Amino acid sequence: QSTELRDKLMENTRYFREKIAEIGLDVLPGEHPIVPVMFGEAQPAVNMANALLEKGVYVIPFSFPVVPKGKARIRTQVSAAHSKEDLDFAVEKFAEAKAEIGLS
């Protein structure tokens, strides 16, 4: 009967989308907790995923033929179980990896 978990999921999703955009990464617009971080070409998405794995964040890059050509992405999924600290950790590692692989 409580909406507590759904409310937390919505807030976590809003927060994560906002913070990822603030560090200069492209996120498909929406409110869904599946948050695609867009890279366009496959190699930057692969490079980002590899750098993130080294930092303790496990993500999978998707590129053609799984998604259309030029729409490569890393698919992240936010949960109500994530704390704000979990989300901040992920955003921090995305920012570090972005700088390390030379994305502007």
PDB file of N, CA and C in Angstrom:
ATOM      1  N   GLN A   1       0.815  -1.204   0.000  1.00  0.00           N
ATOM      2  CA  GLN A   1       0.000   0.000   0.000  1.00  0.00           C
ATOM      3  C   GLN A   1       0.855   1.263   0.000  1.00  0.00           C
ATOM      4  N   SER A   2       2.092   1.156   0.428  1.00  0.00           N
ATOM      5  CA  SER A   2       2.972   2.319   0.477  1.00  0.00           C
ATOM      6  C   SER A   2       3.587   2.583  -0.902  1.00  0.00           C
ATOM      7  N   THR A   3       3.831   3.841  -1.200  1.00  0.00           N
ATOM      8  CA  THR A   3       4.515   4.208  -2.451  1.00  0.00           C
ATOM      9  C   THR A   3       5.977   4.577  -2.195  1.00  0.00           C
ATOM     10  N   GLU A   4       6.472   4.252  -1.003  1.00  0.00           N
ATOM     11  CA  GLU A   4       7.813   4.666  -0.609  1.00  0.00           C
ATOM     12  C   GLU A   4       8.898   4.205  -1.585  1.00  0.00           C
ATOM     13  N   LEU A   5       8.892   2.934  -1.967  1.00  0.00           N
ATOM     14  CA  LEU A   5       9.924   2.440  -2.878  1.00  0.00           C
ATOM     15  C   LEU A   5       9.798   3.057  -4.265  1.00  0.00           C
ATOM     16  N   ARG A   6       8.580   3.171  -4.755  1.00  0.00           N
ATOM     17  CA  ARG A   6       8.393   3.794  -6.070  1.00  0.00           C
ATOM     18  C   ARG A   6       8.846   5.254  -6.035  1.00  0.00           C
ATOM     19  N   ASP A   7       8.503   5.953  -4.960  1.00  0.00           N
ATOM     20  CA  ASP A   7       8.922   7.351  -4.828  1.00  0.00           C
ATOM     21  C   ASP A   7      10.442   7.472  -4.783  1.00  0.00           C
ATOM     22  N   LYS A   8      11.091   6.554  -4.059  1.00  0.00           N
ATOM     23  CA  LYS A   8      12.557   6.590  -3.984  1.00  0.00           C
ATOM     24  C   LYS A   8      13.162   6.282  -5.346  1.00  0.00           C
ATOM     25  N   LEU A   9      12.595   5.325  -6.063  1.00  0.00           N
ATOM     26  CA  LEU A   9      13.077   5.007  -7.405  1.00  0.00           C
ATOM     27  C   LEU A   9      12.966   6.228  -8.319  1.00  0.00           C
ATOM     28  N   MET A  10      11.845   6.896  -8.278  1.00  0.00           N
ATOM     29  CA  MET A  10      11.659   8.088  -9.122  1.00  0.00           C
ATOM     30  C   MET A  10      12.662   9.174  -8.752  1.00  0.00           C
ATOM     31  N   GLU A  11      12.892   9.394  -7.463  1.00  0.00           N
ATOM     32  CA  GLU A  11      13.847  10.415  -7.030  1.00  0.00           C
ATOM     33  C   GLU A  11      15.273  10.014  -7.412  1.00  0.00           C
ATOM     34  N   ASN A  12      15.632   8.742  -7.196  1.00  0.00           N
ATOM     35  CA  ASN A  12      16.963   8.277  -7.589  1.00  0.00           C
ATOM     36  C   ASN A  12      17.187   8.440  -9.083  1.00  0.00           C
ATOM     37  N   THR A  13      16.180   8.107  -9.876  1.00  0.00           N
ATOM     38  CA  THR A  13      16.286   8.221 -11.333  1.00  0.00           C
ATOM     39  C   THR A  13      16.474   9.674 -11.747  1.00  0.00           C
ATOM     40  N   ARG A  14      15.655  10.564 -11.192  1.00  0.00           N
ATOM     41  CA  ARG A  14      15.768  11.990 -11.513  1.00  0.00           C
ATOM     42  C   ARG A  14      17.163  12.496 -11.145  1.00  0.00           C
ATOM     43  N   TYR A  15      17.625  12.139  -9.964  1.00  0.00           N
ATOM     44  CA  TYR A  15      18.919  12.588  -9.468  1.00  0.00           C
ATOM     45  C   TYR A  15      20.057  12.085 -10.365  1.00  0.00           C
ATOM     46  N   PHE A  16      20.054  10.797 -10.679  1.00  0.00           N
ATOM     47  CA  PHE A  16      21.119  10.217 -11.495  1.00  0.00           C
ATOM     48  C   PHE A  16      21.144  10.839 -12.882  1.00  0.00           C
ATOM     49  N   ARG A  17      19.979  10.974 -13.511  1.00  0.00           N
ATOM     50  CA  ARG A  17      19.922  11.590 -14.839  1.00  0.00           C
ATOM     51  C   ARG A  17      20.485  13.011 -14.799  1.00  0.00           C
ATOM     52  N   GLU A  18      20.105  13.763 -13.785  1.00  0.00           N
ATOM     53  CA  GLU A  18      20.568  15.144 -13.656  1.00  0.00           C
ATOM     54  C   GLU A  18      22.082  15.198 -13.467  1.00  0.00           C
ATOM     55  N   LYS A  19      22.619  14.367 -12.594  1.00  0.00           N
ATOM     56  CA  LYS A  19      24.049  14.394 -12.296  1.00  0.00           C
ATOM     57  C   LYS A  19      24.892  13.913 -13.484  1.00  0.00           C
ATOM     58  N   ILE A  20      24.432  12.902 -14.195  1.00  0.00           N
ATOM     59  CA  ILE A  20      25.169  12.436 -15.376  1.00  0.00           C
ATOM     60  C   ILE A  20      25.196  13.539 -16.439  1.00  0.00           C
ATOM     61  N   ALA A  21      24.086  14.225 -16.618  1.00  0.00           N
ATOM     62  CA  ALA A  21      24.048  15.339 -17.584  1.00  0.00           C
ATOM     63  C   ALA A  21      24.970  16.469 -17.143  1.00  0.00           C
ATOM     64  N   GLU A  22      25.045  16.734 -15.837  1.00  0.00           N
ATOM     65  CA  GLU A  22      25.894  17.811 -15.321  1.00  0.00           C
ATOM     66  C   GLU A  22      27.372  17.581 -15.609  1.00  0.00           C
ATOM     67  N   ILE A  23      27.794  16.319 -15.711  1.00  0.00           N
ATOM     68  CA  ILE A  23      29.211  16.063 -16.014  1.00  0.00           C
ATOM     69  C   ILE A  23      29.460  16.023 -17.521  1.00  0.00           C
ATOM     70  N   GLY A  24      28.435  16.355 -18.297  1.00  0.00           N
ATOM     71  CA  GLY A  24      28.618  16.507 -19.738  1.00  0.00           C
ATOM     72  C   GLY A  24      28.385  15.258 -20.560  1.00  0.00           C
ATOM     73  N   LEU A  25      27.707  14.278 -19.999  1.00  0.00           N
ATOM     74  CA  LEU A  25      27.359  13.094 -20.779  1.00  0.00           C
ATOM     75  C   LEU A  25      25.922  13.215 -21.274  1.00  0.00           C
ATOM     76  N   ASP A  26      25.675  12.617 -22.417  1.00  0.00           N
ATOM     77  CA  ASP A  26      24.381  12.706 -23.079  1.00  0.00           C
ATOM     78  C   ASP A  26      23.488  11.557 -22.618  1.00  0.00           C
ATOM     79  N   VAL A  27      22.357  11.909 -22.037  1.00  0.00           N
ATOM     80  CA  VAL A  27      21.395  10.920 -21.560  1.00  0.00           C
ATOM     81  C   VAL A  27      20.116  11.083 -22.367  1.00  0.00           C
ATOM     82  N   LEU A  28      19.583   9.954 -22.850  1.00  0.00           N
ATOM     83  CA  LEU A  28      18.292  10.042 -23.530  1.00  0.00           C
ATOM     84  C   LEU A  28      17.267  10.597 -22.556  1.00  0.00           C
ATOM     85  N   PRO A  29      16.459  11.561 -22.999  1.00  0.00           N
ATOM     86  CA  PRO A  29      15.470  12.148 -22.093  1.00  0.00           C
ATOM     87  C   PRO A  29      14.424  11.123 -21.665  1.00  0.00           C
ATOM     88  N   GLY A  30      13.898  11.336 -20.492  1.00  0.00           N
ATOM     89  CA  GLY A  30      12.839  10.473 -19.998  1.00  0.00           C
ATOM     90  C   GLY A  30      12.849  10.400 -18.496  1.00  0.00           C
ATOM     91  N   GLU A  31      11.941   9.600 -17.981  1.00  0.00           N
ATOM     92  CA  GLU A  31      11.825   9.409 -16.535  1.00  0.00           C
ATOM     93  C   GLU A  31      12.066   7.957 -16.137  1.00  0.00           C
ATOM     94  N   HIS A  32      12.344   7.113 -17.103  1.00  0.00           N
ATOM     95  CA  HIS A  32      12.503   5.686 -16.851  1.00  0.00           C
ATOM     96  C   HIS A  32      13.795   5.408 -16.092  1.00  0.00           C
ATOM     97  N   PRO A  33      13.801   4.428 -15.176  1.00  0.00           N
ATOM     98  CA  PRO A  33      15.019   4.120 -14.434  1.00  0.00           C
ATOM     99  C   PRO A  33      16.098   3.421 -15.257  1.00  0.00           C
ATOM    100  N   ILE A  34      15.778   2.978 -16.459  1.00  0.00           N
ATOM    101  CA  ILE A  34      16.830   2.539 -17.379  1.00  0.00           C
ATOM    102  C   ILE A  34      17.338   3.805 -18.047  1.00  0.00           C
ATOM    103  N   VAL A  35      18.594   4.125 -17.766  1.00  0.00           N
ATOM    104  CA  VAL A  35      19.157   5.407 -18.192  1.00  0.00           C
ATOM    105  C   VAL A  35      20.256   5.142 -19.217  1.00  0.00           C
ATOM    106  N   PRO A  36      19.950   5.341 -20.515  1.00  0.00           N
ATOM    107  CA  PRO A  36      20.970   5.151 -21.538  1.00  0.00           C
ATOM    108  C   PRO A  36      21.901   6.367 -21.625  1.00  0.00           C
ATOM    109  N   VAL A  37      23.183   6.131 -21.438  1.00  0.00           N
ATOM    110  CA  VAL A  37      24.199   7.172 -21.594  1.00  0.00           C
ATOM    111  C   VAL A  37      24.741   7.002 -23.008  1.00  0.00           C
ATOM    112  N   MET A  38      24.522   8.011 -23.842  1.00  0.00           N
ATOM    113  CA  MET A  38      24.782   7.905 -25.274  1.00  0.00           C
ATOM    114  C   MET A  38      26.219   8.298 -25.628  1.00  0.00           C
ATOM    115  N   PHE A  39      26.786   7.542 -26.591  1.00  0.00           N
ATOM    116  CA  PHE A  39      28.140   7.808 -27.062  1.00  0.00           C
ATOM    117  C   PHE A  39      28.223   7.921 -28.577  1.00  0.00           C
ATOM    118  N   GLY A  40      27.184   7.538 -29.284  1.00  0.00           N
ATOM    119  CA  GLY A  40      27.209   7.607 -30.744  1.00  0.00           C
ATOM    120  C   GLY A  40      27.936   6.425 -31.343  1.00  0.00           C
ATOM    121  N   GLU A  41      29.246   6.486 -31.339  1.00  0.00           N
ATOM    122  CA  GLU A  41      30.053   5.417 -31.912  1.00  0.00           C
ATOM    123  C   GLU A  41      30.378   4.361 -30.857  1.00  0.00           C
ATOM    124  N   ALA A  42      30.659   3.165 -31.328  1.00  0.00           N
ATOM    125  CA  ALA A  42      30.867   2.031 -30.426  1.00  0.00           C
ATOM    126  C   ALA A  42      32.137   2.157 -29.582  1.00  0.00           C
ATOM    127  N   GLN A  43      33.247   2.585 -30.183  1.00  0.00           N
ATOM    128  CA  GLN A  43      34.521   2.542 -29.464  1.00  0.00           C
ATOM    129  C   GLN A  43      34.532   3.400 -28.206  1.00  0.00           C
ATOM    130  N   PRO A  44      34.019   4.632 -28.222  1.00  0.00           N
ATOM    131  CA  PRO A  44      33.990   5.391 -26.966  1.00  0.00           C
ATOM    132  C   PRO A  44      33.150   4.708 -25.879  1.00  0.00           C
ATOM    133  N   ALA A  45      32.061   4.066 -26.265  1.00  0.00           N
ATOM    134  CA  ALA A  45      31.230   3.361 -25.284  1.00  0.00           C
ATOM    135  C   ALA A  45      32.006   2.185 -24.684  1.00  0.00           C
ATOM    136  N   VAL A  46      32.733   1.457 -25.522  1.00  0.00           N
ATOM    137  CA  VAL A  46      33.555   0.339 -25.053  1.00  0.00           C
ATOM    138  C   VAL A  46      34.670   0.848 -24.146  1.00  0.00           C
ATOM    139  N   ASN A  47      35.337   1.919 -24.569  1.00  0.00           N
ATOM    140  CA  ASN A  47      36.415   2.493 -23.761  1.00  0.00           C
ATOM    141  C   ASN A  47      35.902   2.942 -22.393  1.00  0.00           C
ATOM    142  N   MET A  48      34.732   3.574 -22.383  1.00  0.00           N
ATOM    143  CA  MET A  48      34.137   4.035 -21.130  1.00  0.00           C
ATOM    144  C   MET A  48      33.797   2.841 -20.242  1.00  0.00           C
ATOM    145  N   ALA A  49      33.183   1.826 -20.802  1.00  0.00           N
ATOM    146  CA  ALA A  49      32.812   0.646 -20.021  1.00  0.00           C
ATOM    147  C   ALA A  49      34.048  -0.012 -19.412  1.00  0.00           C
ATOM    148  N   ASN A  50      35.122  -0.119 -20.185  1.00  0.00           N
ATOM    149  CA  ASN A  50      36.357  -0.716 -19.680  1.00  0.00           C
ATOM    150  C   ASN A  50      36.951   0.116 -18.545  1.00  0.00           C
ATOM    151  N   ALA A  51      36.966   1.431 -18.720  1.00  0.00           N
ATOM    152  CA  ALA A  51      37.508   2.319 -17.679  1.00  0.00           C
ATOM    153  C   ALA A  51      36.652   2.246 -16.415  1.00  0.00           C
ATOM    154  N   LEU A  52      35.342   2.186 -16.586  1.00  0.00           N
ATOM    155  CA  LEU A  52      34.459   2.099 -15.428  1.00  0.00           C
ATOM    156  C   LEU A  52      34.639   0.787 -14.672  1.00  0.00           C
ATOM    157  N   LEU A  53      34.827  -0.300 -15.396  1.00  0.00           N
ATOM    158  CA  LEU A  53      35.037  -1.599 -14.750  1.00  0.00           C
ATOM    159  C   LEU A  53      36.278  -1.557 -13.855  1.00  0.00           C
ATOM    160  N   GLU A  54      37.329  -0.917 -14.337  1.00  0.00           N
ATOM    161  CA  GLU A  54      38.554  -0.777 -13.538  1.00  0.00           C
ATOM    162  C   GLU A  54      38.314   0.037 -12.271  1.00  0.00           C
ATOM    163  N   LYS A  55      37.273   0.863 -12.292  1.00  0.00           N
ATOM    164  CA  LYS A  55      36.949   1.722 -11.152  1.00  0.00           C
ATOM    165  C   LYS A  55      35.856   1.135 -10.261  1.00  0.00           C
ATOM    166  N   GLY A  56      35.411  -0.082 -10.587  1.00  0.00           N
ATOM    167  CA  GLY A  56      34.422  -0.729  -9.747  1.00  0.00           C
ATOM    168  C   GLY A  56      32.980  -0.513 -10.145  1.00  0.00           C
ATOM    169  N   VAL A  57      32.757  -0.025 -11.372  1.00  0.00           N
ATOM    170  CA  VAL A  57      31.395   0.174 -11.867  1.00  0.00           C
ATOM    171  C   VAL A  57      31.221  -0.723 -13.086  1.00  0.00           C
ATOM    172  N   TYR A  58      30.353  -1.709 -12.949  1.00  0.00           N
ATOM    173  CA  TYR A  58      30.133  -2.674 -14.030  1.00  0.00           C
ATOM    174  C   TYR A  58      28.983  -2.206 -14.914  1.00  0.00           C
ATOM    175  N   VAL A  59      29.303  -1.929 -16.163  1.00  0.00           N
ATOM    176  CA  VAL A  59      28.311  -1.540 -17.167  1.00  0.00           C
ATOM    177  C   VAL A  59      28.627  -2.274 -18.465  1.00  0.00           C
ATOM    178  N   ILE A  60      27.649  -2.348 -19.324  1.00  0.00           N
ATOM    179  CA  ILE A  60      27.809  -3.012 -20.615  1.00  0.00           C
ATOM    180  C   ILE A  60      27.533  -1.996 -21.723  1.00  0.00           C
ATOM    181  N   PRO A  61      28.455  -1.873 -22.688  1.00  0.00           N
ATOM    182  CA  PRO A  61      28.182  -1.012 -23.832  1.00  0.00           C
ATOM    183  C   PRO A  61      27.323  -1.756 -24.859  1.00  0.00           C
ATOM    184  N   PHE A  62      26.452  -1.041 -25.520  1.00  0.00           N
ATOM    185  CA  PHE A  62      25.625  -1.591 -26.590  1.00  0.00           C
ATOM    186  C   PHE A  62      25.900  -0.803 -27.862  1.00  0.00           C
ATOM    187  N   SER A  63      26.093  -1.529 -28.957  1.00  0.00           N
ATOM    188  CA  SER A  63      26.289  -0.876 -30.250  1.00  0.00           C
ATOM    189  C   SER A  63      25.637  -1.738 -31.321  1.00  0.00           C
ATOM    190  N   PHE A  64      25.738  -1.288 -32.564  1.00  0.00           N
ATOM    191  CA  PHE A  64      25.152  -2.009 -33.690  1.00  0.00           C
ATOM    192  C   PHE A  64      25.672  -3.445 -33.700  1.00  0.00           C
ATOM    193  N   PRO A  65      24.843  -4.437 -33.881  1.00  0.00           N
ATOM    194  CA  PRO A  65      23.455  -4.430 -34.347  1.00  0.00           C
ATOM    195  C   PRO A  65      22.404  -4.437 -33.226  1.00  0.00           C
ATOM    196  N   VAL A  66      22.834  -4.324 -31.959  1.00  0.00           N
ATOM    197  CA  VAL A  66      21.881  -4.322 -30.857  1.00  0.00           C
ATOM    198  C   VAL A  66      21.071  -3.029 -30.843  1.00  0.00           C
ATOM    199  N   VAL A  67      21.724  -1.925 -31.168  1.00  0.00           N
ATOM    200  CA  VAL A  67      21.061  -0.624 -31.307  1.00  0.00           C
ATOM    201  C   VAL A  67      21.418  -0.085 -32.692  1.00  0.00           C
ATOM    202  N   PRO A  68      20.690   0.904 -33.199  1.00  0.00           N
ATOM    203  CA  PRO A  68      20.999   1.437 -34.530  1.00  0.00           C
ATOM    204  C   PRO A  68      22.423   2.000 -34.622  1.00  0.00           C
ATOM    205  N   LYS A  69      23.006   1.955 -35.827  1.00  0.00           N
ATOM    206  CA  LYS A  69      24.323   2.549 -36.052  1.00  0.00           C
ATOM    207  C   LYS A  69      24.298   4.009 -35.609  1.00  0.00           C
ATOM    208  N   GLY A  70      25.380   4.422 -34.968  1.00  0.00           N
ATOM    209  CA  GLY A  70      25.488   5.798 -34.494  1.00  0.00           C
ATOM    210  C   GLY A  70      24.751   6.063 -33.198  1.00  0.00           C
ATOM    211  N   LYS A  71      24.206   5.021 -32.562  1.00  0.00           N
ATOM    212  CA  LYS A  71      23.445   5.183 -31.309  1.00  0.00           C
ATOM    213  C   LYS A  71      24.033   4.319 -30.192  1.00  0.00           C
ATOM    214  N   ALA A  72      25.346   4.108 -30.220  1.00  0.00           N
ATOM    215  CA  ALA A  72      25.993   3.302 -29.178  1.00  0.00           C
ATOM    216  C   ALA A  72      25.778   3.958 -27.820  1.00  0.00           C
ATOM    217  N   ARG A  73      25.684   3.126 -26.822  1.00  0.00           N
ATOM    218  CA  ARG A  73      25.356   3.620 -25.489  1.00  0.00           C
ATOM    219  C   ARG A  73      25.834   2.664 -24.415  1.00  0.00           C
ATOM    220  N   ILE A  74      25.834   3.171 -23.211  1.00  0.00           N
ATOM    221  CA  ILE A  74      25.967   2.345 -22.020  1.00  0.00           C
ATOM    222  C   ILE A  74      24.614   2.425 -21.334  1.00  0.00           C
ATOM    223  N   ARG A  75      24.076   1.270 -21.033  1.00  0.00           N
ATOM    224  CA  ARG A  75      22.759   1.217 -20.400  1.00  0.00           C
ATOM    225  C   ARG A  75      22.950   1.044 -18.899  1.00  0.00           C
ATOM    226  N   THR A  76      22.481   2.015 -18.156  1.00  0.00           N
ATOM    227  CA  THR A  76      22.530   1.922 -16.703  1.00  0.00           C
ATOM    228  C   THR A  76      21.105   1.742 -16.195  1.00  0.00           C
ATOM    229  N   GLN A  77      20.978   1.181 -15.015  1.00  0.00           N
ATOM    230  CA  GLN A  77      19.645   1.006 -14.433  1.00  0.00           C
ATOM    231  C   GLN A  77      19.686   1.405 -12.967  1.00  0.00           C
ATOM    232  N   VAL A  78      18.853   2.374 -12.645  1.00  0.00           N
ATOM    233  CA  VAL A  78      18.758   2.887 -11.285  1.00  0.00           C
ATOM    234  C   VAL A  78      17.756   2.039 -10.518  1.00  0.00           C
ATOM    235  N   SER A  79      18.000   1.909  -9.223  1.00  0.00           N
ATOM    236  CA  SER A  79      17.144   1.098  -8.355  1.00  0.00           C
ATOM    237  C   SER A  79      16.765   1.896  -7.104  1.00  0.00           C
ATOM    238  N   ALA A  80      15.664   1.507  -6.495  1.00  0.00           N
ATOM    239  CA  ALA A  80      15.285   2.082  -5.201  1.00  0.00           C
ATOM    240  C   ALA A  80      16.270   1.644  -4.117  1.00  0.00           C
ATOM    241  N   ALA A  81      16.997   0.576  -4.360  1.00  0.00           N
ATOM    242  CA  ALA A  81      17.976   0.090  -3.388  1.00  0.00           C
ATOM    243  C   ALA A  81      19.253   0.925  -3.382  1.00  0.00           C
ATOM    244  N   HIS A  82      19.466   1.737  -4.416  1.00  0.00           N
ATOM    245  CA  HIS A  82      20.651   2.592  -4.447  1.00  0.00           C
ATOM    246  C   HIS A  82      20.509   3.726  -3.428  1.00  0.00           C
ATOM    247  N   SER A  83      21.599   3.992  -2.745  1.00  0.00           N
ATOM    248  CA  SER A  83      21.649   5.167  -1.876  1.00  0.00           C
ATOM    249  C   SER A  83      22.145   6.348  -2.705  1.00  0.00           C
ATOM    250  N   LYS A  84      22.000   7.532  -2.179  1.00  0.00           N
ATOM    251  CA  LYS A  84      22.547   8.722  -2.845  1.00  0.00           C
ATOM    252  C   LYS A  84      24.058   8.566  -2.982  1.00  0.00           C
ATOM    253  N   GLU A  85      24.696   7.952  -1.994  1.00  0.00           N
ATOM    254  CA  GLU A  85      26.140   7.731  -2.054  1.00  0.00           C
ATOM    255  C   GLU A  85      26.511   6.780  -3.195  1.00  0.00           C
ATOM    256  N   ASP A  86      25.691   5.740  -3.416  1.00  0.00           N
ATOM    257  CA  ASP A  86      25.925   4.830  -4.540  1.00  0.00           C
ATOM    258  C   ASP A  86      25.874   5.595  -5.856  1.00  0.00           C
ATOM    259  N   LEU A  87      24.861   6.428  -6.000  1.00  0.00           N
ATOM    260  CA  LEU A  87      24.689   7.182  -7.247  1.00  0.00           C
ATOM    261  C   LEU A  87      25.820   8.184  -7.423  1.00  0.00           C
ATOM    262  N   ASP A  88      26.206   8.856  -6.347  1.00  0.00           N
ATOM    263  CA  ASP A  88      27.324   9.801  -6.427  1.00  0.00           C
ATOM    264  C   ASP A  88      28.619   9.087  -6.801  1.00  0.00           C
ATOM    265  N   PHE A  89      28.838   7.898  -6.256  1.00  0.00           N
ATOM    266  CA  PHE A  89      30.027   7.108  -6.598  1.00  0.00           C
ATOM    267  C   PHE A  89      30.037   6.823  -8.102  1.00  0.00           C
ATOM    268  N   ALA A  90      28.914   6.356  -8.626  1.00  0.00           N
ATOM    269  CA  ALA A  90      28.841   6.040 -10.056  1.00  0.00           C
ATOM    270  C   ALA A  90      29.102   7.277 -10.903  1.00  0.00           C
ATOM    271  N   VAL A  91      28.483   8.394 -10.552  1.00  0.00           N
ATOM    272  CA  VAL A  91      28.675   9.630 -11.321  1.00  0.00           C
ATOM    273  C   VAL A  91      30.133  10.068 -11.260  1.00  0.00           C
ATOM    274  N   GLU A  92      30.733   9.982 -10.083  1.00  0.00           N
ATOM    275  CA  GLU A  92      32.148  10.344  -9.933  1.00  0.00           C
ATOM    276  C   GLU A  92      33.027   9.485 -10.838  1.00  0.00           C
ATOM    277  N   LYS A  93      32.752   8.194 -10.895  1.00  0.00           N
ATOM    278  CA  LYS A  93      33.553   7.290 -11.722  1.00  0.00           C
ATOM    279  C   LYS A  93      33.306   7.537 -13.206  1.00  0.00           C
ATOM    280  N   PHE A  94      32.070   7.868 -13.582  1.00  0.00           N
ATOM    281  CA  PHE A  94      31.800   8.247 -14.967  1.00  0.00           C
ATOM    282  C   PHE A  94      32.618   9.484 -15.329  1.00  0.00           C
ATOM    283  N   ALA A  95      32.666  10.472 -14.435  1.00  0.00           N
ATOM    284  CA  ALA A  95      33.431  11.703 -14.707  1.00  0.00           C
ATOM    285  C   ALA A  95      34.926  11.403 -14.845  1.00  0.00           C
ATOM    286  N   GLU A  96      35.449  10.576 -13.946  1.00  0.00           N
ATOM    287  CA  GLU A  96      36.868  10.200 -14.025  1.00  0.00           C
ATOM    288  C   GLU A  96      37.167   9.466 -15.325  1.00  0.00           C
ATOM    289  N   ALA A  97      36.335   8.503 -15.652  1.00  0.00           N
ATOM    290  CA  ALA A  97      36.549   7.713 -16.875  1.00  0.00           C
ATOM    291  C   ALA A  97      36.438   8.589 -18.111  1.00  0.00           C
ATOM    292  N   LYS A  98      35.493   9.496 -18.112  1.00  0.00           N
ATOM    293  CA  LYS A  98      35.316  10.421 -19.242  1.00  0.00           C
ATOM    294  C   LYS A  98      36.594  11.199 -19.488  1.00  0.00           C
ATOM    295  N   ALA A  99      37.185  11.721 -18.433  1.00  0.00           N
ATOM    296  CA  ALA A  99      38.431  12.471 -18.580  1.00  0.00           C
ATOM    297  C   ALA A  99      39.578  11.576 -19.034  1.00  0.00           C
ATOM    298  N   GLU A 100      39.662  10.383 -18.477  1.00  0.00           N
ATOM    299  CA  GLU A 100      40.745   9.459 -18.815  1.00  0.00           C
ATOM    300  C   GLU A 100      40.720   9.007 -20.261  1.00  0.00           C
ATOM    301  N   ILE A 101      39.531   8.819 -20.817  1.00  0.00           N
ATOM    302  CA  ILE A 101      39.475   8.346 -22.203  1.00  0.00           C
ATOM    303  C   ILE A 101      39.425   9.500 -23.201  1.00  0.00           C
ATOM    304  N   GLY A 102      39.464  10.727 -22.691  1.00  0.00           N
ATOM    305  CA  GLY A 102      39.574  11.885 -23.569  1.00  0.00           C
ATOM    306  C   GLY A 102      38.280  12.395 -24.178  1.00  0.00           C
ATOM    307  N   LEU A 103      37.162  12.111 -23.529  1.00  0.00           N
ATOM    308  CA  LEU A 103      35.907  12.684 -24.017  1.00  0.00           C
ATOM    309  C   LEU A 103      35.774  14.101 -23.477  1.00  0.00           C
ATOM    310  N   SER A 104      35.367  15.023 -24.350  1.00  0.00           N
ATOM    311  CA  SER A 104      35.231  16.397 -23.886  1.00  0.00           C
ATOM    312  C   SER A 104      33.854  16.670 -23.369  1.00  0.00           C
TER     313      SER A 104
END
